[in-house]
Protein backbone atom coordinates (compact mmCIF):
# COMPACT_ATOMS: atom_id res chain seq x y z
CA MET A 1 90.66 90.08 78.28
CA ASP A 2 94.57 88.79 77.28
CA VAL A 3 97.17 90.91 78.97
CA GLY A 4 100.63 90.70 79.51
CA ILE A 5 102.03 92.02 83.07
CA ILE A 6 106.67 92.15 82.75
CA GLY A 7 107.47 93.52 85.75
CA LEU A 8 106.41 91.09 88.61
CA GLY A 9 106.91 93.60 91.79
CA ARG A 10 104.93 94.11 94.92
CA MET A 11 102.49 96.18 92.30
CA GLY A 12 103.16 94.24 89.51
CA ALA A 13 101.95 90.84 91.37
CA ASN A 14 98.89 91.91 92.68
CA MET A 15 97.67 93.75 89.78
CA ALA A 16 98.02 90.25 87.89
CA ARG A 17 96.10 88.65 90.35
CA ARG A 18 93.39 90.74 90.51
CA LEU A 19 93.22 90.58 86.51
CA HIS A 20 93.05 86.61 86.94
CA ARG A 21 90.56 86.32 89.41
CA GLY A 22 88.45 89.32 87.09
CA GLY A 23 88.08 86.41 84.44
CA HIS A 24 91.26 87.76 82.41
CA ARG A 25 93.61 85.86 80.91
CA VAL A 26 97.14 86.80 82.16
CA VAL A 27 100.44 86.33 81.24
CA VAL A 28 103.32 87.17 83.10
CA PHE A 29 106.94 87.82 82.73
CA ASN A 30 109.86 88.72 85.68
CA ARG A 31 113.50 88.26 84.65
CA THR A 32 113.65 86.27 87.65
CA ALA A 33 112.00 83.54 86.41
CA GLU A 34 111.28 82.36 90.41
CA LYS A 35 109.67 85.23 90.34
CA THR A 36 107.42 83.71 86.96
CA ARG A 37 106.86 80.21 88.65
CA GLU A 38 105.63 81.17 91.98
CA LEU A 39 103.05 83.77 90.71
CA ALA A 40 101.63 81.12 87.41
CA ALA A 41 100.98 78.59 90.46
CA GLU A 42 98.25 80.59 91.26
CA GLY A 43 96.31 80.87 87.91
CA PRO A 44 98.23 83.14 85.57
CA VAL A 45 100.17 81.92 82.77
CA PRO A 46 104.04 82.11 82.41
CA ALA A 47 106.09 83.62 79.91
CA PHE A 48 110.10 83.20 80.74
CA SER A 49 111.36 85.37 77.44
CA LEU A 50 109.99 88.68 75.72
CA GLU A 51 109.60 86.26 73.19
CA GLU A 52 107.00 83.53 74.43
CA LEU A 53 104.95 86.62 75.78
CA GLY A 54 104.11 87.48 72.42
CA ASP A 55 103.52 84.32 71.30
CA LEU A 56 101.16 83.20 74.63
CA LEU A 57 98.75 86.78 73.60
CA PRO A 58 96.82 87.22 70.62
CA ALA A 59 97.14 90.07 68.63
CA PRO A 60 96.06 92.67 68.98
CA ARG A 61 98.27 92.22 72.04
CA ALA A 62 98.10 94.35 75.05
CA VAL A 63 101.63 94.32 77.64
CA ILE A 64 101.20 96.00 80.89
CA SER A 65 104.81 97.26 82.15
CA MET A 66 105.44 97.88 85.92
CA LEU A 67 109.38 98.22 85.99
CA PRO A 68 111.01 101.05 87.85
CA ALA A 69 111.54 104.57 86.12
CA GLY A 70 114.18 105.50 83.72
CA GLU A 71 116.89 102.71 82.35
CA PRO A 72 114.62 99.03 83.21
CA THR A 73 111.67 100.47 81.59
CA GLU A 74 113.70 101.88 78.63
CA THR A 75 115.31 98.90 78.12
CA MET A 76 112.20 97.17 78.13
CA LEU A 77 110.57 99.16 75.85
CA GLY A 78 113.07 99.08 73.57
CA GLU A 79 113.11 95.69 73.46
CA LEU A 80 109.30 95.25 73.40
CA ALA A 81 109.38 97.21 70.02
CA GLY A 82 111.44 94.29 68.90
CA VAL A 83 108.91 91.63 69.66
CA LEU A 84 105.30 93.22 69.14
CA ALA A 85 103.83 94.00 65.89
CA PRO A 86 102.30 97.11 64.70
CA GLY A 87 98.62 97.37 66.35
CA ASP A 88 99.88 96.08 69.64
CA THR A 89 99.60 97.91 73.09
CA VAL A 90 101.81 98.21 75.27
CA VAL A 91 101.07 100.72 78.86
CA ASP A 92 103.61 101.72 81.38
CA GLY A 93 102.06 101.55 84.50
CA GLY A 94 105.69 102.15 86.31
CA ASN A 95 105.84 105.89 87.90
CA ALA A 96 107.25 107.69 84.78
CA ASP A 97 108.56 111.28 84.04
CA PHE A 98 105.91 113.01 81.85
CA HIS A 99 108.50 113.89 79.50
CA ASP A 100 109.61 110.34 78.98
CA SER A 101 106.42 109.13 78.30
CA GLN A 102 105.25 111.54 75.34
CA ARG A 103 108.42 110.85 73.93
CA ARG A 104 107.92 106.75 74.08
CA HIS A 105 104.59 107.03 72.67
CA GLY A 106 106.11 108.80 69.91
CA MET A 107 109.38 106.40 69.57
CA LEU A 108 107.21 103.60 69.64
CA ALA A 109 104.40 104.73 67.04
CA GLY A 110 107.63 104.87 64.96
CA HIS A 111 106.93 100.20 65.49
CA GLY A 112 103.15 100.77 64.65
CA LEU A 113 102.59 100.72 68.35
CA ARG A 114 100.31 101.85 70.33
CA PHE A 115 101.19 104.08 73.72
CA VAL A 116 99.67 104.48 76.41
CA ASP A 117 100.61 106.11 80.25
CA ALA A 118 99.18 104.60 83.05
CA GLY A 119 99.45 106.29 87.10
CA VAL A 120 98.54 103.47 89.16
CA SER A 121 97.66 104.23 92.87
CA GLY A 122 96.89 102.49 95.66
CA GLY A 123 99.86 99.98 96.60
CA VAL A 124 100.30 96.83 98.12
CA TRP A 125 96.23 97.50 99.17
CA GLY A 126 95.18 97.65 95.64
CA LEU A 127 94.42 94.32 95.31
CA GLU A 128 91.72 93.76 97.37
CA ASN A 129 90.90 97.88 97.36
CA GLY A 130 91.78 98.30 93.29
CA TYR A 131 93.80 101.01 92.13
CA GLY A 132 93.21 104.35 91.39
CA LEU A 133 94.31 104.53 87.50
CA MET A 134 94.89 107.76 85.81
CA VAL A 135 95.57 107.47 82.58
CA GLY A 136 97.11 109.23 79.13
CA GLY A 137 97.38 108.25 75.34
CA ASP A 138 95.12 108.16 72.84
CA ARG A 139 91.28 107.92 72.75
CA ASP A 140 91.33 104.34 70.63
CA ALA A 141 93.76 102.82 72.36
CA VAL A 142 92.65 103.59 75.75
CA GLU A 143 88.79 102.52 74.62
CA ALA A 144 90.89 99.18 73.83
CA LEU A 145 91.89 98.82 77.26
CA ARG A 146 89.14 99.59 79.40
CA PRO A 147 87.42 95.49 80.25
CA ILE A 148 91.17 96.08 82.06
CA LEU A 149 91.61 98.88 83.39
CA GLU A 150 88.01 99.02 84.92
CA THR A 151 88.81 95.45 86.56
CA LEU A 152 92.08 97.07 88.34
CA ALA A 153 90.12 100.25 89.49
CA PRO A 154 87.41 100.53 91.52
CA PRO A 155 84.20 101.86 90.67
CA GLY A 156 84.79 105.46 89.77
CA GLY A 157 88.67 105.34 90.22
CA PHE A 158 90.05 105.20 86.73
CA VAL A 159 90.02 108.84 84.68
CA HIS A 160 91.60 108.56 80.89
CA CYS A 161 93.25 112.22 82.12
CA GLY A 162 94.05 113.27 78.01
CA ALA A 163 97.29 112.72 75.64
CA SER A 164 100.19 110.96 76.04
CA GLY A 165 102.13 111.86 78.67
CA ALA A 166 98.93 113.04 80.95
CA GLY A 167 98.38 110.21 82.79
CA HIS A 168 101.96 110.67 84.63
CA TYR A 169 101.57 114.11 84.77
CA VAL A 170 98.39 113.84 86.81
CA LYS A 171 100.08 110.96 88.85
CA MET A 172 103.60 113.09 89.58
CA VAL A 173 101.05 115.91 91.27
CA HIS A 174 99.24 113.11 93.40
CA ASN A 175 102.02 111.97 94.27
CA GLY A 176 103.35 115.47 95.09
CA ILE A 177 100.38 116.12 97.24
CA GLU A 178 100.91 112.71 98.96
CA TYR A 179 104.26 114.29 100.05
CA GLY A 180 102.59 116.65 101.60
CA LEU A 181 99.98 115.13 103.47
CA LEU A 182 102.03 112.61 104.56
CA GLN A 183 104.72 115.54 106.28
CA ALA A 184 101.56 117.22 107.91
CA TYR A 185 101.13 114.34 109.63
CA GLY A 186 104.35 113.56 111.02
CA GLU A 187 104.82 116.84 112.31
CA GLY A 188 101.22 116.49 113.76
CA PHE A 189 101.87 113.21 115.74
CA GLU A 190 105.18 114.97 116.70
CA ILE A 191 104.17 117.75 118.26
CA LEU A 192 101.66 115.64 120.24
CA HIS A 193 104.73 113.06 121.35
CA ALA A 194 106.77 116.12 122.48
CA SER A 195 104.21 117.23 124.61
CA GLU A 196 103.42 117.36 128.36
CA TYR A 197 100.88 114.90 128.49
CA GLY A 198 102.30 111.46 127.73
CA LEU A 199 99.49 110.62 124.88
CA ASP A 200 98.32 107.59 123.20
CA LEU A 201 99.48 108.74 119.71
CA GLY A 202 97.36 105.63 118.34
CA ALA A 203 94.40 106.03 119.91
CA ILE A 204 94.43 109.70 118.96
CA ALA A 205 94.72 108.62 115.53
CA GLU A 206 91.87 106.24 115.65
CA ALA A 207 89.54 109.11 117.80
CA TRP A 208 89.81 111.45 114.41
CA MET A 209 88.69 108.62 112.26
CA HIS A 210 85.62 109.52 113.57
CA GLY A 211 84.02 112.36 112.61
CA THR A 212 86.74 115.30 111.94
CA VAL A 213 87.70 117.38 109.15
CA ILE A 214 91.19 115.58 108.68
CA ARG A 215 90.14 111.51 108.76
CA SER A 216 91.62 109.68 105.50
CA TRP A 217 92.83 106.78 105.07
CA LEU A 218 96.29 108.03 105.52
CA LEU A 219 95.69 108.51 109.27
CA GLU A 220 93.96 105.20 109.49
CA LEU A 221 97.35 103.67 108.44
CA MET A 222 98.99 106.36 110.60
CA GLY A 223 96.94 104.10 113.51
CA ARG A 224 97.92 100.50 112.35
CA ALA A 225 101.31 101.88 112.01
CA PHE A 226 101.49 103.27 115.88
CA GLU A 227 99.67 99.42 116.45
CA ALA A 228 102.38 98.13 114.10
CA HIS A 229 105.71 99.62 115.64
CA GLY A 230 104.68 100.95 119.19
CA ASN A 231 103.97 104.74 120.42
CA GLU A 232 107.89 105.55 120.41
CA LEU A 233 108.42 104.00 116.81
CA ALA A 234 111.15 102.65 118.34
CA ASP A 235 112.18 100.21 115.34
CA VAL A 236 111.46 103.12 112.30
CA LYS A 237 114.59 105.20 110.96
CA ASP A 238 113.98 108.45 110.83
CA TRP A 239 115.24 108.29 106.84
CA VAL A 240 112.87 108.75 104.24
CA ALA A 241 113.05 108.31 100.12
CA ASP A 242 111.36 109.77 97.73
CA SER A 243 110.76 107.88 93.92
CA GLY A 244 111.50 110.59 91.94
CA GLU A 245 107.45 112.08 91.49
CA GLY A 246 108.08 115.15 94.39
CA ARG A 247 111.09 115.79 92.44
CA TRP A 248 108.81 116.68 89.25
CA THR A 249 106.08 118.20 90.42
CA VAL A 250 108.59 120.72 92.48
CA GLU A 251 110.21 121.41 89.26
CA GLU A 252 107.04 121.60 87.21
CA ALA A 253 105.12 124.53 89.58
CA MET A 254 108.99 126.11 89.29
CA ALA A 255 108.79 126.10 84.92
CA LEU A 256 104.60 126.75 85.76
CA ASP A 257 105.68 129.82 88.30
CA VAL A 258 102.97 128.08 90.31
CA PRO A 259 104.22 128.60 94.00
CA ALA A 260 103.66 125.62 95.91
CA PRO A 261 104.99 125.60 98.91
CA ILE A 262 104.21 122.81 101.35
CA ILE A 263 104.74 120.65 98.66
CA THR A 264 108.46 121.78 98.13
CA LEU A 265 109.41 122.10 101.64
CA SER A 266 107.78 118.30 102.37
CA LEU A 267 110.29 116.95 99.53
CA LEU A 268 113.30 118.87 101.13
CA ALA A 269 112.31 117.47 104.63
CA ARG A 270 112.55 114.17 102.88
CA PHE A 271 116.76 115.22 101.63
CA ARG A 272 117.20 116.11 105.63
CA SER A 273 115.90 113.12 106.96
CA ARG A 274 118.73 111.28 105.24
CA GLN A 275 121.44 112.95 106.85
CA GLU A 276 123.22 111.60 110.12
CA GLU A 277 124.05 114.77 110.50
CA SER A 278 123.76 118.27 109.22
CA PHE A 279 126.95 120.74 107.65
CA ALA A 280 124.11 123.12 107.78
CA ALA A 281 122.86 123.72 111.40
CA LYS A 282 126.68 123.05 112.24
CA ALA A 283 127.71 126.48 110.10
CA VAL A 284 124.84 128.43 111.50
CA ALA A 285 125.30 127.34 114.76
CA ALA A 286 129.01 128.59 114.76
CA LEU A 287 127.81 131.51 113.06
CA ARG A 288 125.64 132.38 115.77
CA GLU A 289 128.74 131.54 118.46
CA GLN A 290 130.50 134.07 116.21
CA PHE A 291 128.23 137.12 116.06
CA GLY A 292 126.30 136.50 119.45
CA GLY A 293 128.51 134.41 121.70
CA HIS A 294 125.79 132.08 122.24
CA ALA A 295 127.22 128.77 123.04
CA ILE A 296 127.58 125.94 120.88
CA ARG A 297 127.46 122.06 122.01
CA THR A 298 130.66 119.75 121.19
CA GLU A 299 128.41 116.70 121.70
């Protein structure tokens, strides 16, 4: 099948490689032309403008956008609406807010274009292992893409979640769960690290991978992290980013009156990691001094 991919970052480039290896004809475009040239050297067809991308794909065209959420995706979809023709399909494989996906479905439908939202999980390992795909959109549009989706996903790893926005909705909750899992592993290993026993955390992570109820791919990756950075993780700064999905999950939980304390606290823990110092903690220490005469630390 012919498919275009826009955005050749870590995810987009590896998805293009997997599709090319799977026998599809892949046309690639990136704003930075050098990335396009680098990937084209491996077999995909290069395009150096959206117009050229459109010309290189036979109708009805299928184009996957792998751009960051927000303005980059919004701008690209607007430009694509002027390049593609009625009957063509645009897939947003980035981590978009599902409300945006619902709106974009309607916006592109006004141009005669079909829109599919695809939550993509797998990270840098997706090239070899396949990508978990959570897809939303009209059934006929999704079914037309099935050869591409089944090549990208491992066996059993592709699900059509429902109407427009459903794919990004499910991916949002998936990432919210991920926040909680990461935080639980992080806290558990911090307790082990602080103990009196001088524990080998990498060895423990490896042992836990065999037969225990908390074994998982994340635990395997935790072991690899200790192998790469040492037991102390000394060269890793305690600063944790978030790309939006955790916030959206918490907002949706609040809107639905669903208690989600673990996901919420894991999100707040990420915010705390970005503070050089906590003013709130200073305020609490000062208050304890005032009401109880408790000592404060000045260094």
